[in-house]
PDB file of N, CA and C in Angstrom:
ATOM      1  N   UNK A   1      -8.340  13.132  10.600  1.00  0.00           N
ATOM      2  CA  UNK A   1      -8.251  11.998   9.724  1.00  0.00           C
ATOM      3  C   UNK A   1      -9.558  11.218   9.784  1.00  0.00           C
ATOM      4  N   UNK A   2      -9.937  10.670   8.663  1.00  0.00           N
ATOM      5  CA  UNK A   2     -11.162   9.907   8.592  1.00  0.00           C
ATOM      6  C   UNK A   2     -10.857   8.458   8.273  1.00  0.00           C
ATOM      7  N   UNK A   3     -11.618   7.583   8.877  1.00  0.00           N
ATOM      8  CA  UNK A   3     -11.572   6.157   8.579  1.00  0.00           C
ATOM      9  C   UNK A   3     -12.965   5.711   8.200  1.00  0.00           C
ATOM     10  N   UNK A   4     -13.022   4.783   7.319  1.00  0.00           N
ATOM     11  CA  UNK A   4     -14.276   4.125   6.968  1.00  0.00           C
ATOM     12  C   UNK A   4     -14.290   2.827   7.750  1.00  0.00           C
ATOM     13  N   UNK A   5     -15.325   2.591   8.554  1.00  0.00           N
ATOM     14  CA  UNK A   5     -15.400   1.376   9.357  1.00  0.00           C
ATOM     15  C   UNK A   5     -16.616   0.559   8.964  1.00  0.00           C
ATOM     16  N   UNK A   6     -16.412  -0.731   8.854  1.00  0.00           N
ATOM     17  CA  UNK A   6     -17.485  -1.639   8.473  1.00  0.00           C
ATOM     18  C   UNK A   6     -17.626  -2.735   9.511  1.00  0.00           C
ATOM     19  N   UNK A   7     -18.687  -2.683  10.344  1.00  0.00           N
ATOM     20  CA  UNK A   7     -18.913  -3.791  11.271  1.00  0.00           C
ATOM     21  C   UNK A   7     -19.442  -5.014  10.518  1.00  0.00           C
ATOM     22  N   UNK A   8     -18.948  -6.181  10.866  1.00  0.00           N
ATOM     23  CA  UNK A   8     -19.333  -7.410  10.182  1.00  0.00           C
ATOM     24  C   UNK A   8     -19.801  -8.440  11.198  1.00  0.00           C
ATOM     25  N   UNK A   9     -20.404  -9.510  10.715  1.00  0.00           N
ATOM     26  CA  UNK A   9     -20.978 -10.501  11.613  1.00  0.00           C
ATOM     27  C   UNK A   9     -19.946 -11.407  12.260  1.00  0.00           C
ATOM     28  N   UNK A  10     -18.883 -11.755  11.542  1.00  0.00           N
ATOM     29  CA  UNK A  10     -17.912 -12.687  12.105  1.00  0.00           C
ATOM     30  C   UNK A  10     -16.539 -12.453  11.494  1.00  0.00           C
ATOM     31  N   UNK A  11     -15.543 -13.155  12.019  1.00  0.00           N
ATOM     32  CA  UNK A  11     -14.167 -13.007  11.549  1.00  0.00           C
ATOM     33  C   UNK A  11     -14.045 -13.387  10.071  1.00  0.00           C
ATOM     34  N   UNK A  12     -14.756 -14.421   9.621  1.00  0.00           N
ATOM     35  CA  UNK A  12     -14.706 -14.825   8.214  1.00  0.00           C
ATOM     36  C   UNK A  12     -15.196 -13.681   7.322  1.00  0.00           C
ATOM     37  N   UNK A  13     -16.287 -13.050   7.721  1.00  0.00           N
ATOM     38  CA  UNK A  13     -16.809 -11.917   6.960  1.00  0.00           C
ATOM     39  C   UNK A  13     -15.825 -10.766   6.926  1.00  0.00           C
ATOM     40  N   UNK A  14     -15.150 -10.529   8.047  1.00  0.00           N
ATOM     41  CA  UNK A  14     -14.163  -9.452   8.114  1.00  0.00           C
ATOM     42  C   UNK A  14     -12.996  -9.742   7.183  1.00  0.00           C
ATOM     43  N   UNK A  15     -12.537 -10.977   7.165  1.00  0.00           N
ATOM     44  CA  UNK A  15     -11.429 -11.334   6.281  1.00  0.00           C
ATOM     45  C   UNK A  15     -11.835 -11.221   4.813  1.00  0.00           C
ATOM     46  N   UNK A  16     -13.051 -11.623   4.486  1.00  0.00           N
ATOM     47  CA  UNK A  16     -13.547 -11.504   3.108  1.00  0.00           C
ATOM     48  C   UNK A  16     -13.644 -10.041   2.704  1.00  0.00           C
ATOM     49  N   UNK A  17     -14.130  -9.208   3.607  1.00  0.00           N
ATOM     50  CA  UNK A  17     -14.243  -7.780   3.316  1.00  0.00           C
ATOM     51  C   UNK A  17     -12.854  -7.179   3.094  1.00  0.00           C
ATOM     52  N   UNK A  18     -11.885  -7.562   3.912  1.00  0.00           N
ATOM     53  CA  UNK A  18     -10.525  -7.056   3.740  1.00  0.00           C
ATOM     54  C   UNK A  18      -9.990  -7.464   2.369  1.00  0.00           C
ATOM     55  N   UNK A  19     -10.289  -8.672   1.937  1.00  0.00           N
ATOM     56  CA  UNK A  19      -9.871  -9.137   0.616  1.00  0.00           C
ATOM     57  C   UNK A  19     -10.475  -8.258  -0.482  1.00  0.00           C
ATOM     58  N   UNK A  20     -11.758  -7.949  -0.366  1.00  0.00           N
ATOM     59  CA  UNK A  20     -12.442  -7.085  -1.334  1.00  0.00           C
ATOM     60  C   UNK A  20     -11.775  -5.716  -1.369  1.00  0.00           C
ATOM     61  N   UNK A  21     -11.518  -5.158  -0.196  1.00  0.00           N
ATOM     62  CA  UNK A  21     -10.914  -3.836  -0.091  1.00  0.00           C
ATOM     63  C   UNK A  21      -9.523  -3.831  -0.723  1.00  0.00           C
ATOM     64  N   UNK A  22      -8.756  -4.865  -0.455  1.00  0.00           N
ATOM     65  CA  UNK A  22      -7.407  -4.961  -1.023  1.00  0.00           C
ATOM     66  C   UNK A  22      -7.465  -5.031  -2.541  1.00  0.00           C
ATOM     67  N   UNK A  23      -8.425  -5.770  -3.075  1.00  0.00           N
ATOM     68  CA  UNK A  23      -8.597  -5.859  -4.523  1.00  0.00           C
ATOM     69  C   UNK A  23      -8.918  -4.496  -5.129  1.00  0.00           C
ATOM     70  N   UNK A  24      -9.599  -3.642  -4.360  1.00  0.00           N
ATOM     71  CA  UNK A  24      -9.930  -2.285  -4.810  1.00  0.00           C
ATOM     72  C   UNK A  24      -8.723  -1.351  -4.692  1.00  0.00           C
ATOM     73  N   UNK A  25      -7.654  -1.814  -4.045  1.00  0.00           N
ATOM     74  CA  UNK A  25      -6.467  -0.984  -3.883  1.00  0.00           C
ATOM     75  C   UNK A  25      -6.573   0.025  -2.757  1.00  0.00           C
ATOM     76  N   UNK A  26      -7.463  -0.223  -1.804  1.00  0.00           N
ATOM     77  CA  UNK A  26      -7.668   0.697  -0.690  1.00  0.00           C
ATOM     78  C   UNK A  26      -6.830   0.279   0.511  1.00  0.00           C
ATOM     79  N   UNK A  27      -6.348   1.257   1.304  1.00  0.00           N
ATOM     80  CA  UNK A  27      -5.589   0.909   2.503  1.00  0.00           C
ATOM     81  C   UNK A  27      -6.510   0.295   3.552  1.00  0.00           C
ATOM     82  N   UNK A  28      -6.078  -0.810   4.141  1.00  0.00           N
ATOM     83  CA  UNK A  28      -6.949  -1.516   5.075  1.00  0.00           C
ATOM     84  C   UNK A  28      -6.120  -2.125   6.196  1.00  0.00           C
ATOM     85  N   UNK A  29      -6.535  -1.889   7.424  1.00  0.00           N
ATOM     86  CA  UNK A  29      -5.901  -2.492   8.588  1.00  0.00           C
ATOM     87  C   UNK A  29      -6.465  -3.896   8.776  1.00  0.00           C
ATOM     88  N   UNK A  30      -5.768  -4.724   9.550  1.00  0.00           N
ATOM     89  CA  UNK A  30      -6.296  -6.042   9.873  1.00  0.00           C
ATOM     90  C   UNK A  30      -7.608  -5.890  10.630  1.00  0.00           C
ATOM     91  N   UNK A  31      -8.573  -6.778  10.388  1.00  0.00           N
ATOM     92  CA  UNK A  31      -9.846  -6.697  11.095  1.00  0.00           C
ATOM     93  C   UNK A  31      -9.644  -6.759  12.602  1.00  0.00           C
ATOM     94  N   UNK A  32     -10.399  -5.936  13.307  1.00  0.00           N
ATOM     95  CA  UNK A  32     -10.399  -5.930  14.763  1.00  0.00           C
ATOM     96  C   UNK A  32     -11.725  -6.530  15.202  1.00  0.00           C
ATOM     97  N   UNK A  33     -11.742  -7.835  15.394  1.00  0.00           N
ATOM     98  CA  UNK A  33     -13.004  -8.507  15.701  1.00  0.00           C
ATOM     99  C   UNK A  33     -13.909  -8.445  14.489  1.00  0.00           C
ATOM    100  N   UNK A  34     -15.029  -7.761  14.632  1.00  0.00           N
ATOM    101  CA  UNK A  34     -16.008  -7.678  13.555  1.00  0.00           C
ATOM    102  C   UNK A  34     -15.963  -6.338  12.833  1.00  0.00           C
ATOM    103  N   UNK A  35     -14.872  -5.561  13.000  1.00  0.00           N
ATOM    104  CA  UNK A  35     -14.769  -4.244  12.363  1.00  0.00           C
ATOM    105  C   UNK A  35     -13.545  -4.205  11.469  1.00  0.00           C
ATOM    106  N   UNK A  36     -13.749  -3.735  10.247  1.00  0.00           N
ATOM    107  CA  UNK A  36     -12.659  -3.522   9.300  1.00  0.00           C
ATOM    108  C   UNK A  36     -12.486  -2.016   9.146  1.00  0.00           C
ATOM    109  N   UNK A  37     -11.241  -1.546   9.219  1.00  0.00           N
ATOM    110  CA  UNK A  37     -10.954  -0.119   9.082  1.00  0.00           C
ATOM    111  C   UNK A  37     -10.209   0.110   7.777  1.00  0.00           C
ATOM    112  N   UNK A  38     -10.747   1.020   6.977  1.00  0.00           N
ATOM    113  CA  UNK A  38     -10.123   1.426   5.727  1.00  0.00           C
ATOM    114  C   UNK A  38      -9.642   2.857   5.914  1.00  0.00           C
ATOM    115  N   UNK A  39      -8.408   3.115   5.584  1.00  0.00           N
ATOM    116  CA  UNK A  39      -7.892   4.471   5.733  1.00  0.00           C
ATOM    117  C   UNK A  39      -6.631   4.443   6.561  1.00  0.00           C
ATOM    118  N   UNK A  40      -6.245   5.536   7.099  1.00  0.00           N
ATOM    119  CA  UNK A  40      -6.949   6.818   7.205  1.00  0.00           C
ATOM    120  C   UNK A  40      -6.814   7.668   5.945  1.00  0.00           C
ATOM    121  N   UNK A  41      -7.675   8.647   5.852  1.00  0.00           N
ATOM    122  CA  UNK A  41      -7.665   9.622   4.773  1.00  0.00           C
ATOM    123  C   UNK A  41      -7.530  11.003   5.380  1.00  0.00           C
ATOM    124  N   UNK A  42      -6.757  11.846   4.728  1.00  0.00           N
ATOM    125  CA  UNK A  42      -6.531  13.208   5.228  1.00  0.00           C
ATOM    126  C   UNK A  42      -7.793  14.055   5.130  1.00  0.00           C
ATOM    127  N   UNK A  43      -8.558  13.864   4.075  1.00  0.00           N
ATOM    128  CA  UNK A  43      -9.736  14.688   3.827  1.00  0.00           C
ATOM    129  C   UNK A  43     -11.019  13.873   3.938  1.00  0.00           C
ATOM    130  N   UNK A  44     -12.027  14.481   4.498  1.00  0.00           N
ATOM    131  CA  UNK A  44     -13.326  13.827   4.643  1.00  0.00           C
ATOM    132  C   UNK A  44     -13.880  13.410   3.282  1.00  0.00           C
ATOM    133  N   UNK A  45     -13.694  14.242   2.276  1.00  0.00           N
ATOM    134  CA  UNK A  45     -14.220  13.949   0.937  1.00  0.00           C
ATOM    135  C   UNK A  45     -13.667  12.633   0.397  1.00  0.00           C
ATOM    136  N   UNK A  46     -12.404  12.347   0.670  1.00  0.00           N
ATOM    137  CA  UNK A  46     -11.805  11.082   0.225  1.00  0.00           C
ATOM    138  C   UNK A  46     -12.508   9.895   0.878  1.00  0.00           C
ATOM    139  N   UNK A  47     -12.727   9.994   2.184  1.00  0.00           N
ATOM    140  CA  UNK A  47     -13.385   8.912   2.917  1.00  0.00           C
ATOM    141  C   UNK A  47     -14.820   8.718   2.442  1.00  0.00           C
ATOM    142  N   UNK A  48     -15.506   9.804   2.153  1.00  0.00           N
ATOM    143  CA  UNK A  48     -16.886   9.723   1.654  1.00  0.00           C
ATOM    144  C   UNK A  48     -16.914   9.011   0.301  1.00  0.00           C
ATOM    145  N   UNK A  49     -15.957   9.294  -0.564  1.00  0.00           N
ATOM    146  CA  UNK A  49     -15.898   8.635  -1.866  1.00  0.00           C
ATOM    147  C   UNK A  49     -15.643   7.142  -1.733  1.00  0.00           C
ATOM    148  N   UNK A  50     -14.799   6.748  -0.789  1.00  0.00           N
ATOM    149  CA  UNK A  50     -14.555   5.325  -0.551  1.00  0.00           C
ATOM    150  C   UNK A  50     -15.836   4.657  -0.063  1.00  0.00           C
ATOM    151  N   UNK A  51     -16.531   5.307   0.842  1.00  0.00           N
ATOM    152  CA  UNK A  51     -17.805   4.791   1.343  1.00  0.00           C
ATOM    153  C   UNK A  51     -18.767   4.538   0.184  1.00  0.00           C
ATOM    154  N   UNK A  52     -18.876   5.495  -0.729  1.00  0.00           N
ATOM    155  CA  UNK A  52     -19.746   5.350  -1.897  1.00  0.00           C
ATOM    156  C   UNK A  52     -19.269   4.210  -2.799  1.00  0.00           C
ATOM    157  N   UNK A  53     -17.957   4.143  -3.045  1.00  0.00           N
ATOM    158  CA  UNK A  53     -17.381   3.127  -3.923  1.00  0.00           C
ATOM    159  C   UNK A  53     -17.684   1.723  -3.412  1.00  0.00           C
ATOM    160  N   UNK A  54     -17.493   1.488  -2.133  1.00  0.00           N
ATOM    161  CA  UNK A  54     -17.753   0.172  -1.551  1.00  0.00           C
ATOM    162  C   UNK A  54     -19.249  -0.154  -1.612  1.00  0.00           C
ATOM    163  N   UNK A  55     -20.083   0.836  -1.351  1.00  0.00           N
ATOM    164  CA  UNK A  55     -21.537   0.617  -1.385  1.00  0.00           C
ATOM    165  C   UNK A  55     -22.003   0.284  -2.798  1.00  0.00           C
ATOM    166  N   UNK A  56     -21.566   1.060  -3.787  1.00  0.00           N
ATOM    167  CA  UNK A  56     -22.004   0.864  -5.169  1.00  0.00           C
ATOM    168  C   UNK A  56     -21.442  -0.434  -5.756  1.00  0.00           C
ATOM    169  N   UNK A  57     -20.159  -0.675  -5.550  1.00  0.00           N
ATOM    170  CA  UNK A  57     -19.511  -1.828  -6.176  1.00  0.00           C
ATOM    171  C   UNK A  57     -19.827  -3.161  -5.505  1.00  0.00           C
ATOM    172  N   UNK A  58     -20.103  -3.138  -4.192  1.00  0.00           N
ATOM    173  CA  UNK A  58     -20.237  -4.400  -3.459  1.00  0.00           C
ATOM    174  C   UNK A  58     -21.468  -4.479  -2.557  1.00  0.00           C
ATOM    175  N   UNK A  59     -22.311  -3.461  -2.559  1.00  0.00           N
ATOM    176  CA  UNK A  59     -23.503  -3.414  -1.693  1.00  0.00           C
ATOM    177  C   UNK A  59     -23.159  -3.633  -0.224  1.00  0.00           C
ATOM    178  N   UNK A  60     -22.033  -3.052   0.184  1.00  0.00           N
ATOM    179  CA  UNK A  60     -21.593  -3.137   1.576  1.00  0.00           C
ATOM    180  C   UNK A  60     -21.713  -1.745   2.177  1.00  0.00           C
ATOM    181  N   UNK A  61     -22.320  -1.658   3.339  1.00  0.00           N
ATOM    182  CA  UNK A  61     -22.559  -0.381   3.989  1.00  0.00           C
ATOM    183  C   UNK A  61     -21.692  -0.253   5.237  1.00  0.00           C
ATOM    184  N   UNK A  62     -21.318   0.974   5.566  1.00  0.00           N
ATOM    185  CA  UNK A  62     -20.492   1.228   6.731  1.00  0.00           C
ATOM    186  C   UNK A  62     -20.694   2.641   7.223  1.00  0.00           C
ATOM    187  N   UNK A  63     -19.762   3.115   8.037  1.00  0.00           N
ATOM    188  CA  UNK A  63     -19.854   4.457   8.586  1.00  0.00           C
ATOM    189  C   UNK A  63     -18.471   5.083   8.635  1.00  0.00           C
ATOM    190  N   UNK A  64     -18.438   6.420   8.744  1.00  0.00           N
ATOM    191  CA  UNK A  64     -17.186   7.139   8.868  1.00  0.00           C
ATOM    192  C   UNK A  64     -16.947   7.469  10.333  1.00  0.00           C
ATOM    193  N   UNK A  65     -15.698   7.375  10.747  1.00  0.00           N
ATOM    194  CA  UNK A  65     -15.321   7.839  12.074  1.00  0.00           C
ATOM    195  C   UNK A  65     -14.202   8.849  11.902  1.00  0.00           C
ATOM    196  N   UNK A  66     -14.130   9.789  12.831  1.00  0.00           N
ATOM    197  CA  UNK A  66     -13.203  10.891  12.706  1.00  0.00           C
ATOM    198  C   UNK A  66     -12.260  10.954  13.895  1.00  0.00           C
ATOM    199  N   UNK A  67     -11.019  11.278  13.598  1.00  0.00           N
ATOM    200  CA  UNK A  67     -10.029  11.553  14.633  1.00  0.00           C
ATOM    201  C   UNK A  67      -9.479  12.935  14.337  1.00  0.00           C
ATOM    202  N   UNK A  68      -9.826  13.880  15.177  1.00  0.00           N
ATOM    203  CA  UNK A  68      -9.352  15.262  14.953  1.00  0.00           C
ATOM    204  C   UNK A  68      -8.029  15.488  15.626  1.00  0.00           C
TER     205      UNK A  68
END
């Protein structure tokens, strides 16, 4: 399973990012400190597309993490 993770500067930023993600209709866990987790996704390709979507639509960058 793949998750898209976005480290942020503070809790306010994490909450704002979660709001953006929710507006996009993406699954999102509550922020864990300065990290927001979107997913999980069964396929890597799905997670990669979400990463691109967030980057293009909101200029927000993150990384993928994997749980095999």
